[in-house]
Amino acid sequence: MKYETIRKQVLEAILDAVEQGLIKGTSGNIAMRDETEDVVAITPSGIPYKGMQPEDIAIVDLNGKWLDGNYKPSSEVPMHTAVMHARPDVRATVHTHGMFATIMAMGEGELLPVTPPQCEFAPVRKVPFTMPGSNEVAERVVEALGKDGRSVLMKNHGMFCCGKDMKAAMAATIYTEEMATTAYYANVLGNFEPMPEDGVRKMKELIAADQAV
């Protein structure tokens, strides 16, 4: 089987996302770029993830052309490949419809971190609603991520996260959903107090230096 390693990584990640409740049904999609070739493994369109095999994961080139796989690739291929084109540092991308990220995407302003581990993924900017699967939403996500962003919220849609590898992209996904959850409940209780800007900056420095507690 071609590109077995990246296909297995995508499959393991999507099953993990399903188990954690970040993805329900056939929603959401995950992609992984090959280390040596300009190809991307991505989850297929409209196929249940439980019971899926590595060969069911689609392979596309960086222009989105379907090259291999039992099923056609996700309709969100343009978003994943656009981010990989714009960000050579990104090899893995995760798009989910986590409940709290989706709820918090509907407000104004950035999603702010509440705890030190969440600081790594700030700022989490928001993308206005744009039709899923379109080149326009791909362009807006690329713009919102910028040169070093790890997560964005998409209004009336969900979130999109990325990383240097699958572990990093999944960490961004998990902590962004946690960030949204803590922010939601704190706002409901009327005691929302995000991390101070100076604290966010210092935590990001510690994390970048691999010295975070």
N, C-alpha and C. Protein backbone atom coordinates (compact mmCIF):
# COMPACT_ATOMS: atom_id res chain seq x y z
N MET A 1 0.83 -1.20 0.00
CA MET A 1 0.00 0.00 0.00
C MET A 1 0.87 1.25 0.00
N LYS A 2 0.57 2.21 -0.87
CA LYS A 2 1.32 3.44 -0.94
C LYS A 2 1.05 4.32 0.28
N TYR A 3 2.08 5.01 0.75
CA TYR A 3 1.97 6.01 1.81
C TYR A 3 1.30 5.45 3.07
N GLU A 4 1.70 4.24 3.44
CA GLU A 4 1.09 3.56 4.57
C GLU A 4 1.27 4.33 5.88
N THR A 5 2.46 4.89 6.08
CA THR A 5 2.75 5.57 7.36
C THR A 5 1.81 6.74 7.60
N ILE A 6 1.67 7.62 6.62
CA ILE A 6 0.81 8.80 6.85
C ILE A 6 -0.67 8.40 6.87
N ARG A 7 -1.02 7.37 6.14
CA ARG A 7 -2.41 6.91 6.18
C ARG A 7 -2.77 6.38 7.57
N LYS A 8 -1.85 5.64 8.16
CA LYS A 8 -2.10 5.10 9.50
C LYS A 8 -2.17 6.22 10.53
N GLN A 9 -1.33 7.23 10.38
CA GLN A 9 -1.36 8.35 11.33
C GLN A 9 -2.68 9.10 11.26
N VAL A 10 -3.19 9.31 10.05
CA VAL A 10 -4.47 9.99 9.88
C VAL A 10 -5.59 9.15 10.47
N LEU A 11 -5.57 7.86 10.21
CA LEU A 11 -6.62 6.98 10.73
C LEU A 11 -6.60 6.96 12.26
N GLU A 12 -5.44 6.81 12.86
CA GLU A 12 -5.34 6.80 14.32
C GLU A 12 -5.84 8.11 14.91
N ALA A 13 -5.51 9.21 14.27
CA ALA A 13 -5.91 10.53 14.78
C ALA A 13 -7.42 10.72 14.69
N ILE A 14 -8.03 10.32 13.59
CA ILE A 14 -9.47 10.51 13.44
C ILE A 14 -10.24 9.64 14.43
N LEU A 15 -9.75 8.43 14.68
CA LEU A 15 -10.41 7.56 15.65
C LEU A 15 -10.25 8.12 17.07
N ASP A 16 -9.10 8.72 17.35
CA ASP A 16 -8.88 9.37 18.64
C ASP A 16 -9.83 10.55 18.81
N ALA A 17 -10.00 11.35 17.74
CA ALA A 17 -10.91 12.49 17.79
C ALA A 17 -12.35 12.05 18.01
N VAL A 18 -12.73 10.95 17.38
CA VAL A 18 -14.08 10.40 17.58
C VAL A 18 -14.27 9.97 19.02
N GLU A 19 -13.27 9.26 19.56
CA GLU A 19 -13.34 8.75 20.93
C GLU A 19 -13.46 9.89 21.94
N GLN A 20 -12.80 11.00 21.66
CA GLN A 20 -12.83 12.13 22.58
C GLN A 20 -14.06 13.03 22.38
N GLY A 21 -14.90 12.68 21.43
CA GLY A 21 -16.12 13.45 21.22
C GLY A 21 -15.92 14.72 20.41
N LEU A 22 -14.75 14.87 19.79
CA LEU A 22 -14.48 16.05 18.99
C LEU A 22 -15.12 15.95 17.61
N ILE A 23 -15.41 14.72 17.20
CA ILE A 23 -16.02 14.47 15.89
C ILE A 23 -17.17 13.50 16.08
N LYS A 24 -18.29 13.79 15.45
CA LYS A 24 -19.45 12.90 15.49
C LYS A 24 -19.86 12.56 14.06
N GLY A 25 -20.36 11.33 13.87
CA GLY A 25 -20.77 10.91 12.54
C GLY A 25 -19.62 10.94 11.57
N THR A 26 -19.85 11.54 10.42
CA THR A 26 -18.78 11.63 9.42
C THR A 26 -18.27 13.06 9.28
N SER A 27 -18.57 13.89 10.27
CA SER A 27 -18.11 15.28 10.23
C SER A 27 -16.63 15.36 10.57
N GLY A 28 -16.02 16.50 10.24
CA GLY A 28 -14.61 16.70 10.56
C GLY A 28 -13.71 15.96 9.58
N ASN A 29 -12.46 16.37 9.53
CA ASN A 29 -11.48 15.75 8.64
C ASN A 29 -10.07 16.03 9.12
N ILE A 30 -9.18 15.12 8.81
CA ILE A 30 -7.79 15.22 9.26
C ILE A 30 -6.87 14.89 8.09
N ALA A 31 -5.75 15.60 8.01
CA ALA A 31 -4.82 15.40 6.91
C ALA A 31 -3.37 15.38 7.41
N MET A 32 -2.51 14.70 6.64
CA MET A 32 -1.09 14.59 6.98
C MET A 32 -0.26 14.61 5.71
N ARG A 33 0.72 15.50 5.66
CA ARG A 33 1.59 15.61 4.49
C ARG A 33 2.76 14.65 4.61
N ASP A 34 3.13 14.03 3.50
CA ASP A 34 4.26 13.12 3.48
C ASP A 34 5.56 13.89 3.71
N GLU A 35 6.54 13.23 4.31
CA GLU A 35 7.81 13.88 4.63
C GLU A 35 8.67 14.14 3.40
N THR A 36 8.56 13.27 2.39
CA THR A 36 9.47 13.36 1.25
C THR A 36 8.80 13.72 -0.07
N GLU A 37 7.48 13.46 -0.18
CA GLU A 37 6.78 13.74 -1.42
C GLU A 37 5.67 14.77 -1.19
N ASP A 38 5.31 15.47 -2.25
CA ASP A 38 4.26 16.48 -2.15
C ASP A 38 2.88 15.85 -2.27
N VAL A 39 2.59 14.96 -1.34
CA VAL A 39 1.27 14.33 -1.29
C VAL A 39 0.73 14.41 0.13
N VAL A 40 -0.59 14.30 0.24
CA VAL A 40 -1.26 14.45 1.54
C VAL A 40 -2.25 13.30 1.71
N ALA A 41 -2.22 12.67 2.88
CA ALA A 41 -3.24 11.68 3.25
C ALA A 41 -4.36 12.42 3.95
N ILE A 42 -5.61 12.17 3.55
CA ILE A 42 -6.74 12.87 4.15
C ILE A 42 -7.94 11.94 4.26
N THR A 43 -8.74 12.14 5.29
CA THR A 43 -9.92 11.30 5.49
C THR A 43 -10.88 11.44 4.31
N PRO A 44 -11.59 10.36 3.99
CA PRO A 44 -12.52 10.40 2.86
C PRO A 44 -13.82 11.12 3.19
N SER A 45 -14.62 11.35 2.17
CA SER A 45 -15.87 12.09 2.31
C SER A 45 -17.04 11.16 2.60
N GLY A 46 -17.75 11.47 3.71
CA GLY A 46 -19.02 10.79 3.99
C GLY A 46 -18.93 9.34 4.37
N ILE A 47 -17.77 8.89 4.86
CA ILE A 47 -17.59 7.48 5.23
C ILE A 47 -17.42 7.39 6.75
N PRO A 48 -18.18 6.52 7.44
CA PRO A 48 -18.02 6.36 8.89
C PRO A 48 -16.57 6.00 9.24
N TYR A 49 -16.06 6.60 10.30
CA TYR A 49 -14.66 6.40 10.66
C TYR A 49 -14.41 5.07 11.38
N LYS A 50 -15.37 4.64 12.18
CA LYS A 50 -15.19 3.37 12.87
C LYS A 50 -15.25 2.24 11.85
N GLY A 51 -14.26 1.37 11.89
CA GLY A 51 -14.17 0.28 10.93
C GLY A 51 -13.36 0.64 9.69
N MET A 52 -12.95 1.87 9.57
CA MET A 52 -12.15 2.31 8.43
C MET A 52 -10.77 1.68 8.46
N GLN A 53 -10.21 1.38 7.31
CA GLN A 53 -8.88 0.80 7.17
C GLN A 53 -7.93 1.83 6.56
N PRO A 54 -6.61 1.66 6.75
CA PRO A 54 -5.65 2.63 6.19
C PRO A 54 -5.82 2.88 4.70
N GLU A 55 -6.15 1.83 3.94
CA GLU A 55 -6.30 2.00 2.49
C GLU A 55 -7.53 2.82 2.12
N ASP A 56 -8.41 3.06 3.10
CA ASP A 56 -9.59 3.89 2.84
C ASP A 56 -9.26 5.38 2.92
N ILE A 57 -8.11 5.70 3.52
CA ILE A 57 -7.67 7.10 3.60
C ILE A 57 -7.22 7.55 2.21
N ALA A 58 -7.73 8.67 1.76
CA ALA A 58 -7.42 9.15 0.41
C ALA A 58 -6.04 9.82 0.35
N ILE A 59 -5.45 9.78 -0.83
CA ILE A 59 -4.19 10.47 -1.09
C ILE A 59 -4.44 11.51 -2.17
N VAL A 60 -4.04 12.75 -1.90
CA VAL A 60 -4.16 13.83 -2.88
C VAL A 60 -2.80 14.52 -3.03
N ASP A 61 -2.62 15.25 -4.13
CA ASP A 61 -1.42 16.08 -4.22
C ASP A 61 -1.72 17.44 -3.59
N LEU A 62 -0.73 18.31 -3.56
CA LEU A 62 -0.90 19.59 -2.88
C LEU A 62 -1.84 20.55 -3.62
N ASN A 63 -2.25 20.15 -4.82
CA ASN A 63 -3.25 20.91 -5.55
C ASN A 63 -4.64 20.31 -5.37
N GLY A 64 -4.73 19.24 -4.57
CA GLY A 64 -6.02 18.63 -4.28
C GLY A 64 -6.44 17.53 -5.22
N LYS A 65 -5.60 17.15 -6.17
CA LYS A 65 -5.96 16.09 -7.12
C LYS A 65 -5.95 14.74 -6.41
N TRP A 66 -7.03 13.98 -6.57
CA TRP A 66 -7.17 12.66 -5.95
C TRP A 66 -6.26 11.68 -6.68
N LEU A 67 -5.32 11.07 -5.93
CA LEU A 67 -4.35 10.16 -6.51
C LEU A 67 -4.60 8.70 -6.16
N ASP A 68 -5.10 8.43 -4.95
CA ASP A 68 -5.23 7.05 -4.51
C ASP A 68 -6.22 6.97 -3.35
N GLY A 69 -6.74 5.78 -3.11
CA GLY A 69 -7.67 5.57 -2.01
C GLY A 69 -8.98 4.99 -2.49
N ASN A 70 -9.63 4.22 -1.61
CA ASN A 70 -10.88 3.56 -1.98
C ASN A 70 -12.05 4.52 -2.12
N TYR A 71 -11.96 5.67 -1.45
CA TYR A 71 -13.07 6.63 -1.45
C TYR A 71 -12.55 8.03 -1.77
N LYS A 72 -13.43 8.86 -2.32
CA LYS A 72 -13.02 10.21 -2.67
C LYS A 72 -12.65 11.00 -1.41
N PRO A 73 -11.71 11.92 -1.53
CA PRO A 73 -11.25 12.67 -0.35
C PRO A 73 -12.30 13.65 0.15
N SER A 74 -12.11 14.09 1.39
CA SER A 74 -12.98 15.08 2.01
C SER A 74 -13.18 16.30 1.11
N SER A 75 -14.35 16.90 1.20
CA SER A 75 -14.63 18.12 0.44
C SER A 75 -13.82 19.30 0.95
N GLU A 76 -13.20 19.14 2.14
CA GLU A 76 -12.41 20.22 2.72
C GLU A 76 -10.94 20.16 2.31
N VAL A 77 -10.62 19.37 1.29
CA VAL A 77 -9.24 19.31 0.79
C VAL A 77 -8.66 20.70 0.54
N PRO A 78 -9.40 21.65 -0.08
CA PRO A 78 -8.80 22.97 -0.34
C PRO A 78 -8.28 23.67 0.92
N MET A 79 -8.99 23.51 2.04
CA MET A 79 -8.58 24.17 3.28
C MET A 79 -7.27 23.56 3.81
N HIS A 80 -7.21 22.24 3.83
CA HIS A 80 -6.01 21.57 4.34
C HIS A 80 -4.80 21.85 3.47
N THR A 81 -4.95 21.72 2.16
CA THR A 81 -3.80 21.92 1.27
C THR A 81 -3.38 23.39 1.20
N ALA A 82 -4.34 24.31 1.32
CA ALA A 82 -3.99 25.73 1.31
C ALA A 82 -3.10 26.08 2.49
N VAL A 83 -3.43 25.53 3.66
CA VAL A 83 -2.61 25.80 4.85
C VAL A 83 -1.22 25.19 4.66
N MET A 84 -1.14 24.00 4.10
CA MET A 84 0.17 23.37 3.89
C MET A 84 0.99 24.11 2.84
N HIS A 85 0.34 24.67 1.84
CA HIS A 85 1.04 25.51 0.86
C HIS A 85 1.62 26.74 1.53
N ALA A 86 0.80 27.39 2.36
CA ALA A 86 1.19 28.66 2.98
C ALA A 86 2.18 28.49 4.12
N ARG A 87 2.14 27.32 4.77
CA ARG A 87 2.94 27.10 5.97
C ARG A 87 3.81 25.84 5.81
N PRO A 88 5.04 25.99 5.31
CA PRO A 88 5.93 24.84 5.15
C PRO A 88 6.21 24.11 6.47
N ASP A 89 6.00 24.81 7.60
CA ASP A 89 6.24 24.20 8.91
C ASP A 89 5.12 23.26 9.31
N VAL A 90 4.01 23.27 8.60
CA VAL A 90 2.84 22.46 8.96
C VAL A 90 2.81 21.17 8.15
N ARG A 91 2.73 20.04 8.86
CA ARG A 91 2.58 18.75 8.18
C ARG A 91 1.25 18.09 8.50
N ALA A 92 0.59 18.51 9.58
CA ALA A 92 -0.68 17.88 9.97
C ALA A 92 -1.73 18.94 10.24
N THR A 93 -2.96 18.66 9.81
CA THR A 93 -4.06 19.59 9.98
C THR A 93 -5.30 18.84 10.45
N VAL A 94 -6.06 19.47 11.35
CA VAL A 94 -7.23 18.83 11.96
C VAL A 94 -8.40 19.81 11.95
N HIS A 95 -9.51 19.38 11.38
CA HIS A 95 -10.74 20.19 11.39
C HIS A 95 -11.83 19.39 12.10
N THR A 96 -12.35 19.96 13.19
CA THR A 96 -13.39 19.27 13.95
C THR A 96 -14.56 20.21 14.22
N HIS A 97 -15.65 19.61 14.69
CA HIS A 97 -16.85 20.36 15.04
C HIS A 97 -17.12 20.25 16.54
N GLY A 98 -16.04 20.31 17.34
CA GLY A 98 -16.18 20.24 18.78
C GLY A 98 -17.25 21.21 19.28
N MET A 99 -18.09 20.77 20.19
CA MET A 99 -19.26 21.55 20.58
C MET A 99 -18.89 22.93 21.13
N PHE A 100 -17.96 22.98 22.08
CA PHE A 100 -17.67 24.26 22.72
C PHE A 100 -16.90 25.20 21.79
N ALA A 101 -16.02 24.67 20.97
CA ALA A 101 -15.35 25.51 19.98
C ALA A 101 -16.36 26.11 19.03
N THR A 102 -17.35 25.31 18.64
CA THR A 102 -18.39 25.79 17.74
C THR A 102 -19.24 26.88 18.39
N ILE A 103 -19.57 26.68 19.67
CA ILE A 103 -20.34 27.69 20.41
C ILE A 103 -19.55 28.99 20.52
N MET A 104 -18.29 28.89 20.94
CA MET A 104 -17.49 30.09 21.17
C MET A 104 -17.09 30.78 19.88
N ALA A 105 -17.16 30.06 18.76
CA ALA A 105 -16.87 30.68 17.45
C ALA A 105 -17.90 31.74 17.09
N MET A 106 -19.08 31.67 17.73
CA MET A 106 -20.16 32.59 17.36
C MET A 106 -20.05 33.96 18.01
N GLY A 107 -19.15 34.11 18.98
CA GLY A 107 -18.96 35.40 19.62
C GLY A 107 -17.98 36.27 18.85
N GLU A 108 -17.74 37.46 19.37
CA GLU A 108 -16.80 38.38 18.74
C GLU A 108 -15.44 38.29 19.42
N GLY A 109 -14.42 38.69 18.73
CA GLY A 109 -13.08 38.72 19.30
C GLY A 109 -12.42 37.37 19.36
N GLU A 110 -11.15 37.35 19.74
CA GLU A 110 -10.38 36.12 19.81
C GLU A 110 -10.81 35.27 21.01
N LEU A 111 -10.60 33.97 20.91
CA LEU A 111 -10.76 33.07 22.06
C LEU A 111 -9.50 33.20 22.90
N LEU A 112 -9.67 33.50 24.18
CA LEU A 112 -8.52 33.78 25.06
C LEU A 112 -8.23 32.60 25.98
N PRO A 113 -6.94 32.33 26.24
CA PRO A 113 -6.58 31.24 27.14
C PRO A 113 -6.89 31.55 28.59
N VAL A 114 -7.24 30.51 29.33
CA VAL A 114 -7.57 30.64 30.75
C VAL A 114 -6.51 30.00 31.63
N THR A 115 -5.82 28.97 31.13
CA THR A 115 -4.81 28.25 31.89
C THR A 115 -3.48 28.29 31.15
N PRO A 116 -2.36 28.10 31.87
CA PRO A 116 -1.05 28.16 31.22
C PRO A 116 -0.87 27.24 30.00
N PRO A 117 -1.28 25.96 30.04
CA PRO A 117 -1.07 25.13 28.86
C PRO A 117 -1.78 25.63 27.60
N GLN A 118 -2.89 26.33 27.79
CA GLN A 118 -3.65 26.84 26.64
C GLN A 118 -2.91 27.97 25.92
N CYS A 119 -1.97 28.60 26.61
CA CYS A 119 -1.27 29.76 26.04
C CYS A 119 -0.50 29.41 24.77
N GLU A 120 -0.05 28.19 24.67
CA GLU A 120 0.73 27.77 23.49
C GLU A 120 -0.04 27.99 22.20
N PHE A 121 -1.37 27.95 22.27
CA PHE A 121 -2.19 27.96 21.06
C PHE A 121 -2.86 29.32 20.82
N ALA A 122 -2.55 30.29 21.66
CA ALA A 122 -3.07 31.64 21.46
C ALA A 122 -2.14 32.42 20.52
N PRO A 123 -2.67 33.37 19.76
CA PRO A 123 -4.08 33.77 19.71
C PRO A 123 -4.92 32.83 18.85
N VAL A 124 -6.17 32.64 19.25
CA VAL A 124 -7.12 31.84 18.47
C VAL A 124 -8.10 32.82 17.83
N ARG A 125 -7.84 33.15 16.58
CA ARG A 125 -8.67 34.12 15.86
C ARG A 125 -9.92 33.44 15.30
N LYS A 126 -10.85 34.26 14.80
CA LYS A 126 -12.10 33.73 14.28
C LYS A 126 -12.27 34.06 12.80
N VAL A 127 -12.84 33.11 12.10
CA VAL A 127 -13.09 33.24 10.66
C VAL A 127 -14.60 33.40 10.46
N PRO A 128 -15.05 34.45 9.75
CA PRO A 128 -16.48 34.60 9.49
C PRO A 128 -17.02 33.39 8.72
N PHE A 129 -18.32 33.16 8.82
CA PHE A 129 -18.88 32.01 8.10
C PHE A 129 -18.65 32.15 6.60
N THR A 130 -18.12 31.08 6.04
CA THR A 130 -17.89 30.98 4.61
C THR A 130 -18.25 29.56 4.21
N MET A 131 -18.74 29.34 3.03
CA MET A 131 -19.22 28.02 2.64
C MET A 131 -18.13 26.96 2.78
N PRO A 132 -18.44 25.86 3.48
CA PRO A 132 -17.48 24.76 3.63
C PRO A 132 -17.03 24.22 2.26
N GLY A 133 -15.78 23.83 2.19
CA GLY A 133 -15.25 23.23 0.97
C GLY A 133 -14.86 24.22 -0.10
N SER A 134 -15.06 25.51 0.16
CA SER A 134 -14.77 26.52 -0.86
C SER A 134 -13.33 27.03 -0.77
N ASN A 135 -12.86 27.61 -1.86
CA ASN A 135 -11.55 28.23 -1.84
C ASN A 135 -11.54 29.45 -0.94
N GLU A 136 -12.70 30.09 -0.79
CA GLU A 136 -12.79 31.27 0.05
C GLU A 136 -12.54 30.93 1.51
N VAL A 137 -13.17 29.86 2.01
CA VAL A 137 -12.92 29.49 3.40
C VAL A 137 -11.47 29.09 3.59
N ALA A 138 -10.88 28.44 2.60
CA ALA A 138 -9.46 28.07 2.67
C ALA A 138 -8.59 29.32 2.82
N GLU A 139 -8.88 30.34 2.02
CA GLU A 139 -8.10 31.58 2.07
C GLU A 139 -8.26 32.28 3.41
N ARG A 140 -9.49 32.27 3.94
CA ARG A 140 -9.74 32.95 5.22
C ARG A 140 -9.03 32.24 6.38
N VAL A 141 -9.01 30.92 6.35
CA VAL A 141 -8.31 30.17 7.39
C VAL A 141 -6.81 30.43 7.33
N VAL A 142 -6.25 30.43 6.13
CA VAL A 142 -4.83 30.74 5.96
C VAL A 142 -4.51 32.12 6.52
N GLU A 143 -5.36 33.09 6.20
CA GLU A 143 -5.15 34.46 6.67
C GLU A 143 -5.23 34.54 8.19
N ALA A 144 -6.22 33.86 8.77
CA ALA A 144 -6.40 33.92 10.23
C ALA A 144 -5.26 33.23 10.98
N LEU A 145 -4.75 32.15 10.43
CA LEU A 145 -3.63 31.45 11.07
C LEU A 145 -2.35 32.29 11.02
N GLY A 146 -2.16 33.02 9.92
CA GLY A 146 -0.95 33.82 9.78
C GLY A 146 0.30 32.96 9.68
N LYS A 147 1.42 33.52 10.11
CA LYS A 147 2.71 32.83 9.94
C LYS A 147 2.97 31.77 10.99
N ASP A 148 2.33 31.90 12.16
CA ASP A 148 2.65 30.95 13.23
C ASP A 148 1.45 30.51 14.05
N GLY A 149 0.22 30.82 13.62
CA GLY A 149 -0.97 30.41 14.36
C GLY A 149 -1.13 28.90 14.36
N ARG A 150 -1.76 28.39 15.40
CA ARG A 150 -1.98 26.94 15.52
C ARG A 150 -3.45 26.57 15.46
N SER A 151 -4.34 27.54 15.79
CA SER A 151 -5.77 27.25 15.86
C SER A 151 -6.58 28.45 15.41
N VAL A 152 -7.70 28.18 14.75
CA VAL A 152 -8.69 29.22 14.47
C VAL A 152 -10.07 28.64 14.70
N LEU A 153 -11.02 29.52 15.06
CA LEU A 153 -12.42 29.13 15.15
C LEU A 153 -13.13 29.61 13.89
N MET A 154 -14.07 28.80 13.42
CA MET A 154 -14.82 29.11 12.20
C MET A 154 -16.29 29.27 12.57
N LYS A 155 -16.83 30.47 12.39
CA LYS A 155 -18.20 30.74 12.81
C LYS A 155 -19.20 29.80 12.14
N ASN A 156 -20.12 29.28 12.95
CA ASN A 156 -21.16 28.36 12.49
C ASN A 156 -20.57 27.11 11.82
N HIS A 157 -19.38 26.74 12.25
CA HIS A 157 -18.71 25.61 11.58
C HIS A 157 -17.89 24.74 12.52
N GLY A 158 -16.93 25.32 13.25
CA GLY A 158 -16.09 24.51 14.13
C GLY A 158 -14.73 25.14 14.32
N MET A 159 -13.69 24.31 14.27
CA MET A 159 -12.33 24.84 14.41
C MET A 159 -11.39 24.12 13.46
N PHE A 160 -10.25 24.78 13.21
CA PHE A 160 -9.20 24.22 12.36
C PHE A 160 -7.88 24.42 13.09
N CYS A 161 -7.11 23.33 13.22
CA CYS A 161 -5.84 23.38 13.94
C CYS A 161 -4.74 22.75 13.09
N CYS A 162 -3.51 23.10 13.40
CA CYS A 162 -2.39 22.56 12.63
C CYS A 162 -1.16 22.40 13.51
N GLY A 163 -0.17 21.67 12.99
CA GLY A 163 1.05 21.45 13.74
C GLY A 163 2.15 20.86 12.89
N LYS A 164 3.34 20.80 13.47
CA LYS A 164 4.49 20.27 12.74
C LYS A 164 4.38 18.78 12.50
N ASP A 165 3.57 18.11 13.31
CA ASP A 165 3.29 16.68 13.14
C ASP A 165 1.90 16.41 13.70
N MET A 166 1.47 15.16 13.63
CA MET A 166 0.11 14.86 14.07
C MET A 166 -0.08 15.08 15.57
N LYS A 167 0.93 14.75 16.35
CA LYS A 167 0.84 14.95 17.79
C LYS A 167 0.61 16.42 18.11
N ALA A 168 1.32 17.31 17.43
CA ALA A 168 1.18 18.74 17.67
C ALA A 168 -0.18 19.25 17.21
N ALA A 169 -0.65 18.78 16.07
CA ALA A 169 -1.96 19.21 15.56
C ALA A 169 -3.09 18.74 16.46
N MET A 170 -2.99 17.51 16.96
CA MET A 170 -4.02 17.00 17.86
C MET A 170 -3.97 17.72 19.20
N ALA A 171 -2.79 18.06 19.68
CA ALA A 171 -2.67 18.82 20.93
C ALA A 171 -3.36 20.18 20.79
N ALA A 172 -3.15 20.82 19.65
CA ALA A 172 -3.81 22.10 19.41
C ALA A 172 -5.32 21.95 19.42
N THR A 173 -5.81 20.86 18.83
CA THR A 173 -7.24 20.60 18.78
C THR A 173 -7.82 20.39 20.18
N ILE A 174 -7.16 19.54 20.95
CA ILE A 174 -7.64 19.21 22.29
C ILE A 174 -7.63 20.43 23.20
N TYR A 175 -6.55 21.20 23.17
CA TYR A 175 -6.45 22.35 24.06
C TYR A 175 -7.33 23.52 23.60
N THR A 176 -7.57 23.62 22.30
CA THR A 176 -8.49 24.67 21.83
C THR A 176 -9.91 24.37 22.30
N GLU A 177 -10.30 23.09 22.24
CA GLU A 177 -11.62 22.73 22.75
C GLU A 177 -11.70 22.96 24.26
N GLU A 178 -10.62 22.65 24.97
CA GLU A 178 -10.58 22.92 26.41
C GLU A 178 -10.68 24.42 26.69
N MET A 179 -9.97 25.21 25.88
CA MET A 179 -10.01 26.67 26.02
C MET A 179 -11.43 27.19 25.83
N ALA A 180 -12.10 26.65 24.82
CA ALA A 180 -13.48 27.06 24.56
C ALA A 180 -14.41 26.64 25.68
N THR A 181 -14.18 25.45 26.23
CA THR A 181 -15.02 24.94 27.30
C THR A 181 -14.89 25.78 28.57
N THR A 182 -13.65 26.05 28.97
CA THR A 182 -13.44 26.83 30.19
C THR A 182 -13.96 28.26 30.01
N ALA A 183 -13.75 28.83 28.83
CA ALA A 183 -14.24 30.18 28.57
C ALA A 183 -15.77 30.22 28.61
N TYR A 184 -16.40 29.21 28.04
CA TYR A 184 -17.87 29.17 28.02
C TYR A 184 -18.43 29.14 29.44
N TYR A 185 -17.96 28.19 30.25
CA TYR A 185 -18.52 28.05 31.59
C TYR A 185 -18.19 29.25 32.47
N ALA A 186 -16.99 29.80 32.31
CA ALA A 186 -16.64 30.99 33.10
C ALA A 186 -17.52 32.17 32.73
N ASN A 187 -17.83 32.30 31.44
CA ASN A 187 -18.74 33.37 31.02
C ASN A 187 -20.15 33.17 31.55
N VAL A 188 -20.61 31.92 31.56
CA VAL A 188 -21.94 31.62 32.10
C VAL A 188 -22.01 32.00 33.58
N LEU A 189 -20.93 31.71 34.31
CA LEU A 189 -20.89 32.01 35.74
C LEU A 189 -20.60 33.49 36.01
N GLY A 190 -20.20 34.21 34.97
CA GLY A 190 -19.93 35.63 35.13
C GLY A 190 -18.60 35.94 35.77
N ASN A 191 -17.67 34.99 35.74
CA ASN A 191 -16.37 35.24 36.36
C ASN A 191 -15.21 34.93 35.42
N PHE A 192 -15.41 35.17 34.13
CA PHE A 192 -14.36 34.89 33.14
C PHE A 192 -13.18 35.83 33.33
N GLU A 193 -12.01 35.27 33.59
CA GLU A 193 -10.78 36.03 33.73
C GLU A 193 -9.68 35.33 32.95
N PRO A 194 -9.44 35.76 31.72
CA PRO A 194 -8.40 35.10 30.92
C PRO A 194 -7.01 35.35 31.48
N MET A 195 -6.04 34.57 31.02
CA MET A 195 -4.65 34.80 31.41
C MET A 195 -4.25 36.22 31.04
N PRO A 196 -3.49 36.90 31.91
CA PRO A 196 -3.01 38.25 31.56
C PRO A 196 -2.06 38.18 30.36
N GLU A 197 -2.03 39.23 29.56
CA GLU A 197 -1.21 39.23 28.35
C GLU A 197 0.26 38.92 28.64
N ASP A 198 0.77 39.49 29.73
CA ASP A 198 2.17 39.25 30.09
C ASP A 198 2.38 37.78 30.45
N GLY A 199 1.40 37.19 31.11
CA GLY A 199 1.48 35.77 31.45
C GLY A 199 1.46 34.89 30.22
N VAL A 200 0.63 35.25 29.25
CA VAL A 200 0.57 34.50 27.99
C VAL A 200 1.92 34.56 27.30
N ARG A 201 2.48 35.75 27.22
CA ARG A 201 3.77 35.92 26.55
C ARG A 201 4.86 35.09 27.21
N LYS A 202 4.92 35.14 28.55
CA LYS A 202 5.96 34.39 29.26
C LYS A 202 5.77 32.89 29.12
N MET A 203 4.51 32.44 29.16
CA MET A 203 4.25 31.01 29.00
C MET A 203 4.64 30.54 27.60
N LYS A 204 4.37 31.35 26.59
CA LYS A 204 4.74 30.97 25.22
C LYS A 204 6.26 30.87 25.10
N GLU A 205 6.97 31.75 25.79
CA GLU A 205 8.43 31.70 25.77
C GLU A 205 8.94 30.43 26.44
N LEU A 206 8.35 30.07 27.58
CA LEU A 206 8.75 28.85 28.28
C LEU A 206 8.46 27.61 27.44
N ILE A 207 7.29 27.59 26.83
CA ILE A 207 6.90 26.45 26.00
C ILE A 207 7.84 26.33 24.80
N ALA A 208 8.16 27.46 24.18
CA ALA A 208 9.06 27.44 23.02
C ALA A 208 10.45 26.95 23.41
N ALA A 209 10.85 27.24 24.65
CA ALA A 209 12.16 26.81 25.13
C ALA A 209 12.12 25.43 25.76
N ASP A 210 10.94 24.79 25.70
CA ASP A 210 10.74 23.46 26.27
C ASP A 210 11.02 23.44 27.77
N GLN A 211 10.60 24.52 28.46
CA GLN A 211 10.81 24.62 29.90
C GLN A 211 9.50 24.78 30.67
N ALA A 212 8.38 24.51 30.00
CA ALA A 212 7.10 24.66 30.69
C ALA A 212 6.95 23.60 31.76
N VAL A 213 6.30 23.97 32.87
CA VAL A 213 6.10 23.01 33.97
C VAL A 213 4.99 22.05 33.61
